[in-house]
Amino acid sequence: MSELDTKQRVLVAFYTEYQKDLPNMGEVTAEAVGMSQNKFAMAIKKLENEGLLTGGKYAKGDSVFTDFVMVTNYGLAYVEEKLEIQPTMSAGEKTKEVTKKAGLWGYNELKDFAVKVTAEMLKG
């Protein structure tokens, strides 16, 4: 298992948010994943082009609105294969795996985001 590139970090953040019963994709921001707005927007455009995400809304410059972004079936399978997550795991187990793997790779922003999502899921 290799480290994540910029696009993969963005995809994993959306995957993690998706695990909630009521995901708020607007929570996935450039700041939340620890990158510049222009890298974040370009990563989303590329992920959409590759069929891993849908629903990004763009404005002039590097603005991207993520409220309607969804991870495609292909995107879900991609993350689970990349992070060696079993598709049959519960949503809570999946977010714990993301937290663990992000921590091992030193992606503190992604780890913090996954911890936040896990805590929100536990609240119900």
C-alpha atoms as a PDB file:
ATOM      1  CA  MET A   1       0.000   0.000   0.000  1.00  0.00           C
ATOM      2  CA  SER A   2       1.581   3.274  -1.111  1.00  0.00           C
ATOM      3  CA  GLU A   3       1.005   6.795   0.140  1.00  0.00           C
ATOM      4  CA  LEU A   4      -1.807   8.948  -1.205  1.00  0.00           C
ATOM      5  CA  ASP A   5      -1.420  11.654  -3.823  1.00  0.00           C
ATOM      6  CA  THR A   6      -3.431  14.898  -3.794  1.00  0.00           C
ATOM      7  CA  LYS A   7      -6.433  13.500  -5.692  1.00  0.00           C
ATOM      8  CA  GLN A   8      -6.557  10.413  -3.522  1.00  0.00           C
ATOM      9  CA  ARG A   9      -6.504  12.476  -0.307  1.00  0.00           C
ATOM     10  CA  VAL A  10      -9.489  14.477  -1.571  1.00  0.00           C
ATOM     11  CA  LEU A  11     -11.337  11.316  -2.608  1.00  0.00           C
ATOM     12  CA  VAL A  12     -10.703   9.686   0.788  1.00  0.00           C
ATOM     13  CA  ALA A  13     -12.099  12.769   2.553  1.00  0.00           C
ATOM     14  CA  PHE A  14     -15.318  12.548   0.509  1.00  0.00           C
ATOM     15  CA  TYR A  15     -15.432   8.772   1.092  1.00  0.00           C
ATOM     16  CA  THR A  16     -15.162   9.350   4.843  1.00  0.00           C
ATOM     17  CA  GLU A  17     -17.945  11.953   4.896  1.00  0.00           C
ATOM     18  CA  TYR A  18     -20.079   9.653   2.726  1.00  0.00           C
ATOM     19  CA  GLN A  19     -20.063   7.035   5.492  1.00  0.00           C
ATOM     20  CA  LYS A  20     -22.386   9.146   7.674  1.00  0.00           C
ATOM     21  CA  ASP A  21     -26.121   8.443   7.593  1.00  0.00           C
ATOM     22  CA  LEU A  22     -26.644  12.086   6.580  1.00  0.00           C
ATOM     23  CA  PRO A  23     -23.409  13.233   4.947  1.00  0.00           C
ATOM     24  CA  ASN A  24     -22.714  16.948   4.574  1.00  0.00           C
ATOM     25  CA  MET A  25     -20.293  17.028   1.673  1.00  0.00           C
ATOM     26  CA  GLY A  26     -19.871  20.777   2.183  1.00  0.00           C
ATOM     27  CA  GLU A  27     -17.724  19.843   5.196  1.00  0.00           C
ATOM     28  CA  VAL A  28     -15.042  18.575   2.824  1.00  0.00           C
ATOM     29  CA  THR A  29     -12.970  21.674   2.095  1.00  0.00           C
ATOM     30  CA  ALA A  30      -9.442  22.521   1.011  1.00  0.00           C
ATOM     31  CA  GLU A  31      -8.673  23.531   4.586  1.00  0.00           C
ATOM     32  CA  ALA A  32     -10.101  20.280   5.990  1.00  0.00           C
ATOM     33  CA  VAL A  33      -7.747  18.205   3.843  1.00  0.00           C
ATOM     34  CA  GLY A  34      -4.786  20.553   4.256  1.00  0.00           C
ATOM     35  CA  MET A  35      -4.199  21.895   0.771  1.00  0.00           C
ATOM     36  CA  SER A  36      -4.568  25.069  -1.256  1.00  0.00           C
ATOM     37  CA  GLN A  37      -7.910  25.948  -2.816  1.00  0.00           C
ATOM     38  CA  ASN A  38      -6.536  25.682  -6.361  1.00  0.00           C
ATOM     39  CA  LYS A  39      -5.101  22.170  -5.772  1.00  0.00           C
ATOM     40  CA  PHE A  40      -8.378  21.105  -4.126  1.00  0.00           C
ATOM     41  CA  ALA A  41     -10.523  22.404  -7.002  1.00  0.00           C
ATOM     42  CA  MET A  42      -8.297  20.803  -9.631  1.00  0.00           C
ATOM     43  CA  ALA A  43      -8.311  17.484  -7.755  1.00  0.00           C
ATOM     44  CA  ILE A  44     -12.134  17.480  -7.759  1.00  0.00           C
ATOM     45  CA  LYS A  45     -12.233  18.272 -11.477  1.00  0.00           C
ATOM     46  CA  LYS A  46      -9.834  15.406 -12.202  1.00  0.00           C
ATOM     47  CA  LEU A  47     -11.745  12.992  -9.943  1.00  0.00           C
ATOM     48  CA  GLU A  48     -14.980  13.878 -11.752  1.00  0.00           C
ATOM     49  CA  ASN A  49     -13.292  13.407 -15.115  1.00  0.00           C
ATOM     50  CA  GLU A  50     -12.098   9.966 -13.985  1.00  0.00           C
ATOM     51  CA  GLY A  51     -15.593   8.953 -12.839  1.00  0.00           C
ATOM     52  CA  LEU A  52     -14.768   8.766  -9.109  1.00  0.00           C
ATOM     53  CA  LEU A  53     -16.870  11.785  -8.020  1.00  0.00           C
ATOM     54  CA  THR A  54     -19.864  13.702  -9.367  1.00  0.00           C
ATOM     55  CA  GLY A  55     -21.618  16.954  -8.486  1.00  0.00           C
ATOM     56  CA  GLY A  56     -18.908  19.589  -8.018  1.00  0.00           C
ATOM     57  CA  LYS A  57     -20.106  23.131  -8.747  1.00  0.00           C
ATOM     58  CA  TYR A  58     -17.546  25.664  -9.928  1.00  0.00           C
ATOM     59  CA  ALA A  59     -17.356  29.451  -9.910  1.00  0.00           C
ATOM     60  CA  LYS A  60     -14.760  31.811 -11.358  1.00  0.00           C
ATOM     61  CA  GLY A  61     -11.237  31.223 -10.191  1.00  0.00           C
ATOM     62  CA  ASP A  62     -10.575  28.264  -7.961  1.00  0.00           C
ATOM     63  CA  SER A  63     -13.910  28.226  -6.141  1.00  0.00           C
ATOM     64  CA  VAL A  64     -15.623  24.872  -5.869  1.00  0.00           C
ATOM     65  CA  PHE A  65     -18.821  24.128  -3.978  1.00  0.00           C
ATOM     66  CA  THR A  66     -18.914  20.592  -2.628  1.00  0.00           C
ATOM     67  CA  ASP A  67     -22.428  20.447  -1.148  1.00  0.00           C
ATOM     68  CA  PHE A  68     -23.675  18.194  -3.960  1.00  0.00           C
ATOM     69  CA  VAL A  69     -20.561  16.070  -4.509  1.00  0.00           C
ATOM     70  CA  MET A  70     -21.141  12.332  -4.314  1.00  0.00           C
ATOM     71  CA  VAL A  71     -18.690   9.462  -4.496  1.00  0.00           C
ATOM     72  CA  THR A  72     -19.558   7.111  -7.355  1.00  0.00           C
ATOM     73  CA  ASN A  73     -19.689   3.320  -6.977  1.00  0.00           C
ATOM     74  CA  TYR A  74     -16.350   3.234  -8.752  1.00  0.00           C
ATOM     75  CA  GLY A  75     -14.981   5.814  -6.300  1.00  0.00           C
ATOM     76  CA  LEU A  76     -16.126   3.780  -3.300  1.00  0.00           C
ATOM     77  CA  ALA A  77     -14.523   0.618  -4.680  1.00  0.00           C
ATOM     78  CA  TYR A  78     -11.322   2.517  -5.534  1.00  0.00           C
ATOM     79  CA  VAL A  79     -10.874   3.846  -1.975  1.00  0.00           C
ATOM     80  CA  GLU A  80     -11.665   0.490  -0.407  1.00  0.00           C
ATOM     81  CA  GLU A  81      -9.123  -1.249  -2.616  1.00  0.00           C
ATOM     82  CA  LYS A  82      -6.470   1.453  -2.093  1.00  0.00           C
ATOM     83  CA  LEU A  83      -6.865   1.456   1.709  1.00  0.00           C
ATOM     84  CA  GLU A  84      -7.521  -2.287   1.955  1.00  0.00           C
ATOM     85  CA  ILE A  85     -10.956  -1.743   3.525  1.00  0.00           C
ATOM     86  CA  GLN A  86     -13.434  -4.607   3.366  1.00  0.00           C
ATOM     87  CA  PRO A  87     -16.674  -3.498   1.629  1.00  0.00           C
ATOM     88  CA  THR A  88     -18.688  -5.484   4.182  1.00  0.00           C
ATOM     89  CA  MET A  89     -17.409  -3.423   7.140  1.00  0.00           C
ATOM     90  CA  SER A  90     -19.827  -1.076   8.875  1.00  0.00           C
ATOM     91  CA  ALA A  91     -19.555   2.649   8.194  1.00  0.00           C
ATOM     92  CA  GLY A  92     -18.000   3.140  11.638  1.00  0.00           C
ATOM     93  CA  GLU A  93     -15.389   0.470  10.998  1.00  0.00           C
ATOM     94  CA  LYS A  94     -14.563   2.038   7.640  1.00  0.00           C
ATOM     95  CA  THR A  95     -13.983   5.497   9.132  1.00  0.00           C
ATOM     96  CA  LYS A  96     -11.795   3.974  11.861  1.00  0.00           C
ATOM     97  CA  GLU A  97      -9.691   2.310   9.156  1.00  0.00           C
ATOM     98  CA  VAL A  98      -9.321   5.630   7.326  1.00  0.00           C
ATOM     99  CA  THR A  99      -8.252   7.281  10.592  1.00  0.00           C
ATOM    100  CA  LYS A 100      -5.676   4.573  11.270  1.00  0.00           C
ATOM    101  CA  LYS A 101      -4.194   4.609   7.768  1.00  0.00           C
ATOM    102  CA  ALA A 102      -4.116   8.420   7.531  1.00  0.00           C
ATOM    103  CA  GLY A 103      -2.269   8.519  10.851  1.00  0.00           C
ATOM    104  CA  LEU A 104       0.286   5.952   9.677  1.00  0.00           C
ATOM    105  CA  TRP A 105       1.010   8.010   6.577  1.00  0.00           C
ATOM    106  CA  GLY A 106       1.267  11.284   8.515  1.00  0.00           C
ATOM    107  CA  TYR A 107      -1.774  12.956   6.915  1.00  0.00           C
ATOM    108  CA  ASN A 108      -2.804  14.819  10.055  1.00  0.00           C
ATOM    109  CA  GLU A 109      -5.531  16.891   8.383  1.00  0.00           C
ATOM    110  CA  LEU A 110      -7.124  13.801   6.854  1.00  0.00           C
ATOM    111  CA  LYS A 111      -6.768  11.909  10.145  1.00  0.00           C
ATOM    112  CA  ASP A 112      -8.385  14.814  12.045  1.00  0.00           C
ATOM    113  CA  PHE A 113     -11.226  14.938   9.510  1.00  0.00           C
ATOM    114  CA  ALA A 114     -11.825  11.182   9.850  1.00  0.00           C
ATOM    115  CA  VAL A 115     -11.807  11.447  13.659  1.00  0.00           C
ATOM    116  CA  LYS A 116     -14.381  14.264  13.460  1.00  0.00           C
ATOM    117  CA  VAL A 117     -16.622  12.202  11.182  1.00  0.00           C
ATOM    118  CA  THR A 118     -16.327   9.165  13.462  1.00  0.00           C
ATOM    119  CA  ALA A 119     -17.297  11.279  16.485  1.00  0.00           C
ATOM    120  CA  GLU A 120     -20.311  12.693  14.627  1.00  0.00           C
ATOM    121  CA  MET A 121     -21.385   9.178  13.663  1.00  0.00           C
ATOM    122  CA  LEU A 122     -21.168   8.019  17.273  1.00  0.00           C
ATOM    123  CA  LYS A 123     -23.415  10.900  18.382  1.00  0.00           C
ATOM    124  CA  GLY A 124     -26.066   9.450  16.129  1.00  0.00           C
END
